[in-house]
Amino acid sequence: MIADDREFQRRKTELEEKLERLESERASLMTEVEGLRQRRTLLELEKKSSSLQATVDMLKMEKTDLEGQIASIEGTQ
């Protein structure tokens, strides 16, 4: 019985220590995962913003060109 008690205590201690390590690792991973999700979101938004900015810039140039063409046509009439 004494050996069983010692084995129980040893095993119990091992499992408690393992649980503490796993809880700590879980907390750390949850923090890292949230940070990575936020980083991914920012990168996706930056990519969309850049793409939209390029489209807006192109449309501004086209508008300017069209206004110039219209002014030229109106000036020749």
PDB file of N, CA and C in Angstrom:
ATOM      1  N   MET A   1       0.817  -1.188   0.000  1.00  0.00           N
ATOM      2  CA  MET A   1       0.000   0.000   0.000  1.00  0.00           C
ATOM      3  C   MET A   1       0.867   1.261   0.000  1.00  0.00           C
ATOM      4  N   ILE A   2       1.958   1.237   0.710  1.00  0.00           N
ATOM      5  CA  ILE A   2       2.851   2.395   0.738  1.00  0.00           C
ATOM      6  C   ILE A   2       3.385   2.656  -0.666  1.00  0.00           C
ATOM      7  N   ALA A   3       3.753   1.608  -1.374  1.00  0.00           N
ATOM      8  CA  ALA A   3       4.250   1.770  -2.741  1.00  0.00           C
ATOM      9  C   ALA A   3       3.157   2.350  -3.621  1.00  0.00           C
ATOM     10  N   ASP A   4       1.924   1.897  -3.429  1.00  0.00           N
ATOM     11  CA  ASP A   4       0.806   2.433  -4.210  1.00  0.00           C
ATOM     12  C   ASP A   4       0.594   3.916  -3.924  1.00  0.00           C
ATOM     13  N   ASP A   5       0.715   4.310  -2.675  1.00  0.00           N
ATOM     14  CA  ASP A   5       0.563   5.723  -2.309  1.00  0.00           C
ATOM     15  C   ASP A   5       1.670   6.567  -2.939  1.00  0.00           C
ATOM     16  N   ARG A   6       2.902   6.053  -2.900  1.00  0.00           N
ATOM     17  CA  ARG A   6       4.006   6.790  -3.505  1.00  0.00           C
ATOM     18  C   ARG A   6       3.826   6.895  -5.019  1.00  0.00           C
ATOM     19  N   GLU A   7       3.402   5.813  -5.619  1.00  0.00           N
ATOM     20  CA  GLU A   7       3.171   5.810  -7.074  1.00  0.00           C
ATOM     21  C   GLU A   7       2.044   6.785  -7.422  1.00  0.00           C
ATOM     22  N   PHE A   8       0.999   6.782  -6.619  1.00  0.00           N
ATOM     23  CA  PHE A   8      -0.108   7.708  -6.834  1.00  0.00           C
ATOM     24  C   PHE A   8       0.377   9.151  -6.737  1.00  0.00           C
ATOM     25  N   GLN A   9       1.115   9.478  -5.699  1.00  0.00           N
ATOM     26  CA  GLN A   9       1.612  10.840  -5.502  1.00  0.00           C
ATOM     27  C   GLN A   9       2.547  11.258  -6.635  1.00  0.00           C
ATOM     28  N   ARG A  10       3.438  10.339  -7.036  1.00  0.00           N
ATOM     29  CA  ARG A  10       4.359  10.629  -8.128  1.00  0.00           C
ATOM     30  C   ARG A  10       3.586  10.912  -9.416  1.00  0.00           C
ATOM     31  N   ARG A  11       2.654  10.048  -9.717  1.00  0.00           N
ATOM     32  CA  ARG A  11       1.861  10.191 -10.951  1.00  0.00           C
ATOM     33  C   ARG A  11       0.997  11.452 -10.898  1.00  0.00           C
ATOM     34  N   LYS A  12       0.417  11.705  -9.754  1.00  0.00           N
ATOM     35  CA  LYS A  12      -0.414  12.891  -9.561  1.00  0.00           C
ATOM     36  C   LYS A  12       0.419  14.155  -9.782  1.00  0.00           C
ATOM     37  N   THR A  13       1.602  14.194  -9.200  1.00  0.00           N
ATOM     38  CA  THR A  13       2.494  15.343  -9.365  1.00  0.00           C
ATOM     39  C   THR A  13       2.880  15.525 -10.825  1.00  0.00           C
ATOM     40  N   GLU A  14       3.214  14.432 -11.503  1.00  0.00           N
ATOM     41  CA  GLU A  14       3.567  14.501 -12.925  1.00  0.00           C
ATOM     42  C   GLU A  14       2.422  15.089 -13.745  1.00  0.00           C
ATOM     43  N   LEU A  15       1.233  14.609 -13.486  1.00  0.00           N
ATOM     44  CA  LEU A  15       0.079  15.071 -14.253  1.00  0.00           C
ATOM     45  C   LEU A  15      -0.265  16.529 -13.942  1.00  0.00           C
ATOM     46  N   GLU A  16      -0.136  16.926 -12.707  1.00  0.00           N
ATOM     47  CA  GLU A  16      -0.391  18.319 -12.345  1.00  0.00           C
ATOM     48  C   GLU A  16       0.621  19.250 -13.019  1.00  0.00           C
ATOM     49  N   GLU A  17       1.875  18.829 -13.039  1.00  0.00           N
ATOM     50  CA  GLU A  17       2.901  19.621 -13.706  1.00  0.00           C
ATOM     51  C   GLU A  17       2.645  19.705 -15.213  1.00  0.00           C
ATOM     52  N   LYS A  18       2.219  18.584 -15.782  1.00  0.00           N
ATOM     53  CA  LYS A  18       1.908  18.558 -17.207  1.00  0.00           C
ATOM     54  C   LYS A  18       0.742  19.503 -17.512  1.00  0.00           C
ATOM     55  N   LEU A  19      -0.278  19.469 -16.655  1.00  0.00           N
ATOM     56  CA  LEU A  19      -1.416  20.359 -16.840  1.00  0.00           C
ATOM     57  C   LEU A  19      -0.999  21.824 -16.780  1.00  0.00           C
ATOM     58  N   GLU A  20      -0.144  22.164 -15.848  1.00  0.00           N
ATOM     59  CA  GLU A  20       0.343  23.542 -15.733  1.00  0.00           C
ATOM     60  C   GLU A  20       1.098  23.966 -16.990  1.00  0.00           C
ATOM     61  N   ARG A  21       1.976  23.071 -17.491  1.00  0.00           N
ATOM     62  CA  ARG A  21       2.719  23.378 -18.714  1.00  0.00           C
ATOM     63  C   ARG A  21       1.779  23.576 -19.899  1.00  0.00           C
ATOM     64  N   LEU A  22       0.799  22.683 -20.003  1.00  0.00           N
ATOM     65  CA  LEU A  22      -0.140  22.768 -21.123  1.00  0.00           C
ATOM     66  C   LEU A  22      -1.005  24.023 -21.041  1.00  0.00           C
ATOM     67  N   GLU A  23      -1.438  24.385 -19.849  1.00  0.00           N
ATOM     68  CA  GLU A  23      -2.223  25.605 -19.669  1.00  0.00           C
ATOM     69  C   GLU A  23      -1.404  26.826 -20.069  1.00  0.00           C
ATOM     70  N   SER A  24      -0.161  26.835 -19.662  1.00  0.00           N
ATOM     71  CA  SER A  24       0.727  27.944 -20.001  1.00  0.00           C
ATOM     72  C   SER A  24       0.945  28.018 -21.512  1.00  0.00           C
ATOM     73  N   GLU A  25       1.190  26.868 -22.121  1.00  0.00           N
ATOM     74  CA  GLU A  25       1.400  26.829 -23.568  1.00  0.00           C
ATOM     75  C   GLU A  25       0.142  27.255 -24.317  1.00  0.00           C
ATOM     76  N   ARG A  26      -1.013  26.807 -23.836  1.00  0.00           N
ATOM     77  CA  ARG A  26      -2.283  27.178 -24.459  1.00  0.00           C
ATOM     78  C   ARG A  26      -2.471  28.695 -24.412  1.00  0.00           C
ATOM     79  N   ALA A  27      -2.228  29.299 -23.265  1.00  0.00           N
ATOM     80  CA  ALA A  27      -2.380  30.744 -23.124  1.00  0.00           C
ATOM     81  C   ALA A  27      -1.435  31.481 -24.071  1.00  0.00           C
ATOM     82  N   SER A  28      -0.210  31.010 -24.143  1.00  0.00           N
ATOM     83  CA  SER A  28       0.775  31.619 -25.031  1.00  0.00           C
ATOM     84  C   SER A  28       0.349  31.495 -26.491  1.00  0.00           C
ATOM     85  N   LEU A  29      -0.108  30.316 -26.877  1.00  0.00           N
ATOM     86  CA  LEU A  29      -0.535  30.088 -28.258  1.00  0.00           C
ATOM     87  C   LEU A  29      -1.765  30.920 -28.607  1.00  0.00           C
ATOM     88  N   MET A  30      -2.685  31.051 -27.669  1.00  0.00           N
ATOM     89  CA  MET A  30      -3.874  31.854 -27.924  1.00  0.00           C
ATOM     90  C   MET A  30      -3.487  33.303 -28.189  1.00  0.00           C
ATOM     91  N   THR A  31      -2.530  33.813 -27.440  1.00  0.00           N
ATOM     92  CA  THR A  31      -2.045  35.177 -27.641  1.00  0.00           C
ATOM     93  C   THR A  31      -1.381  35.304 -29.008  1.00  0.00           C
ATOM     94  N   GLU A  32      -0.535  34.351 -29.347  1.00  0.00           N
ATOM     95  CA  GLU A  32       0.154  34.381 -30.642  1.00  0.00           C
ATOM     96  C   GLU A  32      -0.827  34.283 -31.801  1.00  0.00           C
ATOM     97  N   VAL A  33      -1.804  33.389 -31.672  1.00  0.00           N
ATOM     98  CA  VAL A  33      -2.791  33.199 -32.734  1.00  0.00           C
ATOM     99  C   VAL A  33      -3.592  34.483 -32.941  1.00  0.00           C
ATOM    100  N   GLU A  34      -3.995  35.134 -31.867  1.00  0.00           N
ATOM    101  CA  GLU A  34      -4.749  36.386 -31.997  1.00  0.00           C
ATOM    102  C   GLU A  34      -3.898  37.451 -32.678  1.00  0.00           C
ATOM    103  N   GLY A  35      -2.641  37.531 -32.307  1.00  0.00           N
ATOM    104  CA  GLY A  35      -1.739  38.485 -32.954  1.00  0.00           C
ATOM    105  C   GLY A  35      -1.575  38.207 -34.436  1.00  0.00           C
ATOM    106  N   LEU A  36      -1.459  36.934 -34.788  1.00  0.00           N
ATOM    107  CA  LEU A  36      -1.327  36.560 -36.194  1.00  0.00           C
ATOM    108  C   LEU A  36      -2.606  36.862 -36.975  1.00  0.00           C
ATOM    109  N   ARG A  37      -3.753  36.629 -36.350  1.00  0.00           N
ATOM    110  CA  ARG A  37      -5.025  36.959 -37.010  1.00  0.00           C
ATOM    111  C   ARG A  37      -5.110  38.464 -37.277  1.00  0.00           C
ATOM    112  N   GLN A  38      -4.705  39.257 -36.298  1.00  0.00           N
ATOM    113  CA  GLN A  38      -4.740  40.704 -36.475  1.00  0.00           C
ATOM    114  C   GLN A  38      -3.778  41.136 -37.581  1.00  0.00           C
ATOM    115  N   ARG A  39      -2.607  40.552 -37.598  1.00  0.00           N
ATOM    116  CA  ARG A  39      -1.622  40.885 -38.635  1.00  0.00           C
ATOM    117  C   ARG A  39      -2.159  40.529 -40.024  1.00  0.00           C
ATOM    118  N   ARG A  40      -2.775  39.328 -40.131  1.00  0.00           N
ATOM    119  CA  ARG A  40      -3.356  38.908 -41.407  1.00  0.00           C
ATOM    120  C   ARG A  40      -4.432  39.891 -41.856  1.00  0.00           C
ATOM    121  N   THR A  41      -5.283  40.315 -40.929  1.00  0.00           N
ATOM    122  CA  THR A  41      -6.341  41.266 -41.257  1.00  0.00           C
ATOM    123  C   THR A  41      -5.759  42.571 -41.787  1.00  0.00           C
ATOM    124  N   LEU A  42      -4.725  43.079 -41.110  1.00  0.00           N
ATOM    125  CA  LEU A  42      -4.092  44.312 -41.570  1.00  0.00           C
ATOM    126  C   LEU A  42      -3.479  44.152 -42.958  1.00  0.00           C
ATOM    127  N   LEU A  43      -2.810  43.030 -43.183  1.00  0.00           N
ATOM    128  CA  LEU A  43      -2.200  42.797 -44.493  1.00  0.00           C
ATOM    129  C   LEU A  43      -3.256  42.719 -45.592  1.00  0.00           C
ATOM    130  N   GLU A  44      -4.374  42.052 -45.306  1.00  0.00           N
ATOM    131  CA  GLU A  44      -5.448  41.958 -46.297  1.00  0.00           C
ATOM    132  C   GLU A  44      -6.035  43.339 -46.586  1.00  0.00           C
ATOM    133  N   LEU A  45      -6.230  44.146 -45.537  1.00  0.00           N
ATOM    134  CA  LEU A  45      -6.768  45.491 -45.729  1.00  0.00           C
ATOM    135  C   LEU A  45      -5.797  46.379 -46.501  1.00  0.00           C
ATOM    136  N   GLU A  46      -4.501  46.261 -46.206  1.00  0.00           N
ATOM    137  CA  GLU A  46      -3.497  47.026 -46.940  1.00  0.00           C
ATOM    138  C   GLU A  46      -3.492  46.657 -48.414  1.00  0.00           C
ATOM    139  N   LYS A  47      -3.623  45.361 -48.696  1.00  0.00           N
ATOM    140  CA  LYS A  47      -3.643  44.899 -50.087  1.00  0.00           C
ATOM    141  C   LYS A  47      -4.862  45.463 -50.819  1.00  0.00           C
ATOM    142  N   LYS A  48      -6.033  45.389 -50.181  1.00  0.00           N
ATOM    143  CA  LYS A  48      -7.248  45.923 -50.796  1.00  0.00           C
ATOM    144  C   LYS A  48      -7.131  47.434 -50.990  1.00  0.00           C
ATOM    145  N   SER A  49      -6.578  48.101 -50.004  1.00  0.00           N
ATOM    146  CA  SER A  49      -6.410  49.551 -50.086  1.00  0.00           C
ATOM    147  C   SER A  49      -5.497  49.929 -51.245  1.00  0.00           C
ATOM    148  N   SER A  50      -4.402  49.224 -51.401  1.00  0.00           N
ATOM    149  CA  SER A  50      -3.467  49.504 -52.503  1.00  0.00           C
ATOM    150  C   SER A  50      -4.133  49.294 -53.856  1.00  0.00           C
ATOM    151  N   SER A  51      -4.883  48.219 -53.963  1.00  0.00           N
ATOM    152  CA  SER A  51      -5.567  47.919 -55.214  1.00  0.00           C
ATOM    153  C   SER A  51      -6.599  48.998 -55.533  1.00  0.00           C
ATOM    154  N   LEU A  52      -7.359  49.382 -54.522  1.00  0.00           N
ATOM    155  CA  LEU A  52      -8.370  50.411 -54.734  1.00  0.00           C
ATOM    156  C   LEU A  52      -7.728  51.759 -55.049  1.00  0.00           C
ATOM    157  N   GLN A  53      -6.613  52.053 -54.404  1.00  0.00           N
ATOM    158  CA  GLN A  53      -5.908  53.306 -54.669  1.00  0.00           C
ATOM    159  C   GLN A  53      -5.436  53.358 -56.115  1.00  0.00           C
ATOM    160  N   ALA A  54      -4.928  52.235 -56.615  1.00  0.00           N
ATOM    161  CA  ALA A  54      -4.478  52.179 -58.010  1.00  0.00           C
ATOM    162  C   ALA A  54      -5.653  52.434 -58.957  1.00  0.00           C
ATOM    163  N   THR A  55      -6.813  51.872 -58.654  1.00  0.00           N
ATOM    164  CA  THR A  55      -8.001  52.078 -59.483  1.00  0.00           C
ATOM    165  C   THR A  55      -8.439  53.539 -59.447  1.00  0.00           C
ATOM    166  N   VAL A  56      -8.449  54.122 -58.256  1.00  0.00           N
ATOM    167  CA  VAL A  56      -8.832  55.527 -58.112  1.00  0.00           C
ATOM    168  C   VAL A  56      -7.862  56.423 -58.886  1.00  0.00           C
ATOM    169  N   ASP A  57      -6.573  56.151 -58.761  1.00  0.00           N
ATOM    170  CA  ASP A  57      -5.576  56.946 -59.482  1.00  0.00           C
ATOM    171  C   ASP A  57      -5.782  56.861 -60.998  1.00  0.00           C
ATOM    172  N   MET A  58      -6.070  55.649 -61.472  1.00  0.00           N
ATOM    173  CA  MET A  58      -6.294  55.452 -62.906  1.00  0.00           C
ATOM    174  C   MET A  58      -7.538  56.228 -63.358  1.00  0.00           C
ATOM    175  N   LEU A  59      -8.596  56.172 -62.563  1.00  0.00           N
ATOM    176  CA  LEU A  59      -9.824  56.882 -62.917  1.00  0.00           C
ATOM    177  C   LEU A  59      -9.618  58.400 -62.891  1.00  0.00           C
ATOM    178  N   LYS A  60      -8.831  58.895 -61.963  1.00  0.00           N
ATOM    179  CA  LYS A  60      -8.528  60.335 -61.909  1.00  0.00           C
ATOM    180  C   LYS A  60      -7.800  60.770 -63.182  1.00  0.00           C
ATOM    181  N   MET A  61      -6.837  59.948 -63.624  1.00  0.00           N
ATOM    182  CA  MET A  61      -6.091  60.264 -64.847  1.00  0.00           C
ATOM    183  C   MET A  61      -7.028  60.249 -66.053  1.00  0.00           C
ATOM    184  N   GLU A  62      -7.904  59.251 -66.094  1.00  0.00           N
ATOM    185  CA  GLU A  62      -8.848  59.168 -67.211  1.00  0.00           C
ATOM    186  C   GLU A  62      -9.787  60.370 -67.201  1.00  0.00           C
ATOM    187  N   LYS A  63     -10.247  60.770 -66.024  1.00  0.00           N
ATOM    188  CA  LYS A  63     -11.129  61.939 -65.907  1.00  0.00           C
ATOM    189  C   LYS A  63     -10.426  63.185 -66.436  1.00  0.00           C
ATOM    190  N   THR A  64      -9.173  63.369 -66.008  1.00  0.00           N
ATOM    191  CA  THR A  64      -8.405  64.529 -66.455  1.00  0.00           C
ATOM    192  C   THR A  64      -8.247  64.514 -67.973  1.00  0.00           C
ATOM    193  N   ASP A  65      -7.914  63.352 -68.536  1.00  0.00           N
ATOM    194  CA  ASP A  65      -7.770  63.228 -69.995  1.00  0.00           C
ATOM    195  C   ASP A  65      -9.080  63.552 -70.705  1.00  0.00           C
ATOM    196  N   LEU A  66     -10.183  63.011 -70.198  1.00  0.00           N
ATOM    197  CA  LEU A  66     -11.480  63.257 -70.832  1.00  0.00           C
ATOM    198  C   LEU A  66     -11.866  64.723 -70.747  1.00  0.00           C
ATOM    199  N   GLU A  67     -11.608  65.354 -69.597  1.00  0.00           N
ATOM    200  CA  GLU A  67     -11.900  66.775 -69.461  1.00  0.00           C
ATOM    201  C   GLU A  67     -11.073  67.594 -70.457  1.00  0.00           C
ATOM    202  N   GLY A  68      -9.811  67.201 -70.632  1.00  0.00           N
ATOM    203  CA  GLY A  68      -8.956  67.877 -71.607  1.00  0.00           C
ATOM    204  C   GLY A  68      -9.461  67.697 -73.022  1.00  0.00           C
ATOM    205  N   GLN A  69      -9.890  66.491 -73.355  1.00  0.00           N
ATOM    206  CA  GLN A  69     -10.424  66.226 -74.693  1.00  0.00           C
ATOM    207  C   GLN A  69     -11.698  67.023 -74.938  1.00  0.00           C
ATOM    208  N   ILE A  70     -12.566  67.066 -73.928  1.00  0.00           N
ATOM    209  CA  ILE A  70     -13.823  67.809 -74.060  1.00  0.00           C
ATOM    210  C   ILE A  70     -13.530  69.303 -74.238  1.00  0.00           C
ATOM    211  N   ALA A  71     -12.620  69.816 -73.438  1.00  0.00           N
ATOM    212  CA  ALA A  71     -12.245  71.231 -73.551  1.00  0.00           C
ATOM    213  C   ALA A  71     -11.680  71.517 -74.938  1.00  0.00           C
ATOM    214  N   SER A  72     -10.895  70.609 -75.456  1.00  0.00           N
ATOM    215  CA  SER A  72     -10.311  70.801 -76.780  1.00  0.00           C
ATOM    216  C   SER A  72     -11.387  70.786 -77.859  1.00  0.00           C
ATOM    217  N   ILE A  73     -12.302  69.858 -77.746  1.00  0.00           N
ATOM    218  CA  ILE A  73     -13.404  69.768 -78.740  1.00  0.00           C
ATOM    219  C   ILE A  73     -14.284  71.007 -78.653  1.00  0.00           C
ATOM    220  N   GLU A  74     -14.605  71.433 -77.433  1.00  0.00           N
ATOM    221  CA  GLU A  74     -15.448  72.614 -77.258  1.00  0.00           C
ATOM    222  C   GLU A  74     -14.739  73.868 -77.765  1.00  0.00           C
ATOM    223  N   GLY A  75     -13.437  73.897 -77.624  1.00  0.00           N
ATOM    224  CA  GLY A  75     -12.676  75.058 -78.077  1.00  0.00           C
ATOM    225  C   GLY A  75     -12.590  75.175 -79.585  1.00  0.00           C
ATOM    226  N   THR A  76     -12.768  74.083 -80.276  1.00  0.00           N
ATOM    227  CA  THR A  76     -12.683  74.110 -81.738  1.00  0.00           C
ATOM    228  C   THR A  76     -14.034  74.389 -82.370  1.00  0.00           C
ATOM    229  N   GLN A  77     -15.053  74.473 -81.600  1.00  0.00           N
ATOM    230  CA  GLN A  77     -16.400  74.673 -82.179  1.00  0.00           C
ATOM    231  C   GLN A  77     -16.710  76.108 -82.398  1.00  0.00           C
TER     232      GLN A  77
END
